[in-house]
Amino acid sequence: MQKSIVVGASNSSVDAALEIWRKGGDVTMVVRGATIGERVKYWVKPDIENRIEEGSIKAFFNSEIKEIKETEVIIDTPEGVITVPNDFVIALTGYRPDFAFLETLGIELSKEGKYFPKYNPETMETNVANLYLAGVICGGLETHKWFIENSRIHAKVIAESISKKINTQQK
């Protein structure tokens, strides 16, 4: 059985830990904070908390990785430094959009602290003609608002918008 350490406590890390466990992997989570993140999807959070509570997935809270070696990871925990045998480390510690890149494309960003890119929610088209956004990037710094589950619709909305444009041009 392969041993994996998942670093983080938000949606991506929780999803990864659960999927590895479901596929038969031995999963250990290393979480800097005291709990699983408050913004974890409400339908997933009880699952990860139950797996941790029953011991199916091990979790070290208030802990940090000190060193990653070829076959083990050294973790600084509240109880002291421990060494855990390990095959893979999956670090899912957060995502921050590349706002400078968006601005070089000409996309306007709100500057009210959240840096939401400006786009039409009915078409997903930005202020730059024929440039569309989909998924997490639409949330600016509030990346917890969009997931695969609720942003799949973006592809359909974009395809319909492009199709309308093409049909209009062909007439």
Protein backbone atom coordinates (compact mmCIF):
# COMPACT_ATOMS: atom_id res chain seq x y z
CA MET A 1 0.00 0.00 0.00
CA GLN A 2 1.44 3.35 -1.02
CA LYS A 3 1.73 6.01 1.65
CA SER A 4 0.83 9.59 0.79
CA ILE A 5 1.01 12.76 2.80
CA VAL A 6 -1.44 15.47 1.80
CA VAL A 7 -0.50 18.96 2.98
CA GLY A 8 -3.35 21.41 3.51
CA ALA A 9 -6.88 21.52 4.89
CA SER A 10 -9.01 23.14 2.20
CA ASN A 11 -11.06 21.74 -0.67
CA SER A 12 -8.28 20.42 -2.91
CA SER A 13 -6.37 18.75 -0.10
CA VAL A 14 -9.51 17.23 1.40
CA ASP A 15 -10.64 15.93 -2.01
CA ALA A 16 -7.19 14.45 -2.66
CA ALA A 17 -7.00 12.78 0.75
CA LEU A 18 -10.43 11.21 0.36
CA GLU A 19 -9.76 10.01 -3.20
CA ILE A 20 -6.40 8.46 -2.28
CA TRP A 21 -8.02 6.73 0.70
CA ARG A 22 -10.93 5.47 -1.43
CA LYS A 23 -8.45 3.98 -3.90
CA GLY A 24 -6.74 2.07 -1.11
CA GLY A 25 -3.90 4.41 -0.25
CA ASP A 26 -2.57 5.07 3.23
CA VAL A 27 -3.18 8.80 3.76
CA THR A 28 -1.77 11.19 6.31
CA MET A 29 -2.76 14.85 6.33
CA VAL A 30 -0.48 17.59 7.65
CA VAL A 31 -2.48 20.68 8.58
CA ARG A 32 -0.96 23.93 9.81
CA GLY A 33 -4.15 24.94 11.60
CA ALA A 34 -6.21 23.29 14.32
CA THR A 35 -9.00 21.94 12.11
CA ILE A 36 -10.10 21.17 8.58
CA GLY A 37 -10.79 24.46 6.79
CA GLU A 38 -14.07 26.26 7.39
CA ARG A 39 -14.57 26.76 3.65
CA VAL A 40 -14.44 23.07 2.75
CA LYS A 41 -17.52 22.08 0.78
CA TYR A 42 -20.36 21.40 3.20
CA TRP A 43 -21.10 18.01 1.64
CA VAL A 44 -17.44 16.87 1.90
CA LYS A 45 -16.43 18.22 5.31
CA PRO A 46 -18.32 15.60 7.38
CA ASP A 47 -16.77 12.83 5.28
CA ILE A 48 -13.17 13.92 5.91
CA GLU A 49 -13.84 14.63 9.58
CA ASN A 50 -15.38 11.18 10.01
CA ARG A 51 -12.46 9.47 8.22
CA ILE A 52 -10.02 11.29 10.52
CA GLU A 53 -12.05 10.53 13.64
CA GLU A 54 -12.27 6.81 12.84
CA GLY A 55 -8.55 6.70 11.99
CA SER A 56 -8.93 5.78 8.31
CA ILE A 57 -7.05 8.96 7.43
CA LYS A 58 -4.39 10.13 9.87
CA ALA A 59 -4.12 13.86 10.50
CA PHE A 60 -1.55 15.99 12.28
CA PHE A 61 -3.06 19.36 13.15
CA ASN A 62 -1.08 22.44 14.21
CA SER A 63 1.81 20.78 12.40
CA GLU A 64 4.27 21.53 9.61
CA ILE A 65 6.61 19.51 7.45
CA LYS A 66 10.22 20.11 8.41
CA GLU A 67 11.85 17.89 5.79
CA ILE A 68 10.91 15.58 2.94
CA LYS A 69 13.25 12.66 2.40
CA GLU A 70 13.15 9.90 -0.20
CA THR A 71 11.15 7.43 1.93
CA GLU A 72 9.99 9.49 4.91
CA VAL A 73 8.78 12.88 6.00
CA ILE A 74 9.75 14.71 9.18
CA ILE A 75 6.83 16.56 10.75
CA ASP A 76 6.91 19.13 13.55
CA THR A 77 3.81 18.42 15.66
CA PRO A 78 2.61 19.85 19.00
CA GLU A 79 3.81 16.59 20.57
CA GLY A 80 7.27 16.98 19.04
CA VAL A 81 9.10 16.08 15.85
CA ILE A 82 8.10 12.76 14.29
CA THR A 83 9.23 10.79 11.26
CA VAL A 84 6.58 9.18 9.06
CA PRO A 85 7.38 6.58 6.38
CA ASN A 86 6.10 7.92 3.06
CA ASP A 87 6.10 7.47 -0.73
CA PHE A 88 4.44 10.66 -2.02
CA VAL A 89 3.81 14.22 -0.82
CA ILE A 90 0.89 16.11 -2.32
CA ALA A 91 1.10 19.77 -1.32
CA LEU A 92 -2.24 21.46 -1.93
CA THR A 93 -1.70 24.60 0.04
CA GLY A 94 -3.71 27.14 -1.87
CA TYR A 95 -4.21 28.87 -5.15
CA ARG A 96 -3.79 32.52 -5.95
CA PRO A 97 -4.73 33.71 -9.44
CA ASP A 98 -2.05 35.37 -11.55
CA PHE A 99 -3.61 38.83 -11.59
CA ALA A 100 -0.65 40.40 -13.38
CA PHE A 101 -1.18 37.97 -16.28
CA LEU A 102 -4.89 38.82 -16.46
CA GLU A 103 -4.04 42.52 -16.54
CA THR A 104 -1.50 42.01 -19.36
CA LEU A 105 -4.38 40.52 -21.34
CA GLY A 106 -6.36 43.70 -20.69
CA ILE A 107 -8.85 42.20 -18.26
CA GLU A 108 -10.07 44.77 -15.77
CA LEU A 109 -9.91 43.83 -12.10
CA SER A 110 -11.93 45.34 -9.29
CA LYS A 111 -9.56 46.87 -6.79
CA GLU A 112 -11.84 46.62 -3.75
CA GLY A 113 -9.50 44.11 -2.13
CA LYS A 114 -10.89 40.93 -3.72
CA TYR A 115 -9.54 41.51 -7.25
CA PHE A 116 -12.55 40.09 -9.07
CA PRO A 117 -11.91 39.97 -12.81
CA LYS A 118 -14.63 41.78 -14.70
CA TYR A 119 -16.78 39.49 -16.85
CA ASN A 120 -20.37 39.15 -17.93
CA PRO A 121 -21.93 36.33 -15.86
CA GLU A 122 -24.44 35.65 -18.66
CA THR A 123 -21.67 34.91 -21.19
CA MET A 124 -18.46 34.65 -19.10
CA GLU A 125 -16.86 37.10 -21.55
CA THR A 126 -14.46 39.61 -20.03
CA ASN A 127 -14.18 43.28 -20.95
CA VAL A 128 -11.79 42.05 -23.69
CA ALA A 129 -13.85 40.92 -26.67
CA ASN A 130 -13.78 37.14 -27.25
CA LEU A 131 -11.81 36.47 -24.05
CA TYR A 132 -13.72 34.30 -21.59
CA LEU A 133 -13.10 33.13 -18.04
CA ALA A 134 -14.27 29.94 -16.34
CA GLY A 135 -13.83 28.27 -12.98
CA VAL A 136 -12.02 29.43 -9.87
CA ILE A 137 -10.43 32.46 -11.55
CA CYS A 138 -13.87 34.11 -11.65
CA GLY A 139 -13.79 34.44 -7.85
CA GLY A 140 -10.72 36.64 -7.70
CA LEU A 141 -9.20 36.22 -4.25
CA GLU A 142 -12.33 34.44 -3.06
CA THR A 143 -11.24 31.17 -4.65
CA HIS A 144 -13.47 29.18 -2.30
CA LYS A 145 -16.60 30.29 -4.17
CA TRP A 146 -16.06 28.18 -7.29
CA PHE A 147 -15.53 24.43 -7.43
CA ILE A 148 -15.65 21.87 -10.24
CA GLU A 149 -19.20 21.07 -9.10
CA ASN A 150 -20.59 24.60 -9.50
CA SER A 151 -18.43 25.93 -12.34
CA ARG A 152 -19.06 23.21 -14.93
CA ILE A 153 -21.85 25.43 -16.20
CA HIS A 154 -19.25 27.97 -17.34
CA ALA A 155 -18.25 25.82 -20.33
CA LYS A 156 -21.86 25.61 -21.54
CA VAL A 157 -22.40 29.34 -21.08
CA ILE A 158 -19.20 30.14 -23.00
CA ALA A 159 -20.02 27.71 -25.83
CA GLU A 160 -23.50 29.21 -26.20
CA SER A 161 -22.06 32.73 -26.28
CA ILE A 162 -19.52 31.82 -28.96
CA SER A 163 -22.18 29.98 -30.96
CA LYS A 164 -24.44 33.05 -30.89
CA LYS A 165 -21.57 35.23 -32.08
CA ILE A 166 -20.77 32.86 -34.95
CA ASN A 167 -24.43 32.61 -35.99
CA THR A 168 -24.75 36.41 -35.89
CA GLN A 169 -21.64 36.84 -38.06
CA GLN A 170 -22.86 34.28 -40.61
CA LYS A 171 -26.13 36.13 -41.24
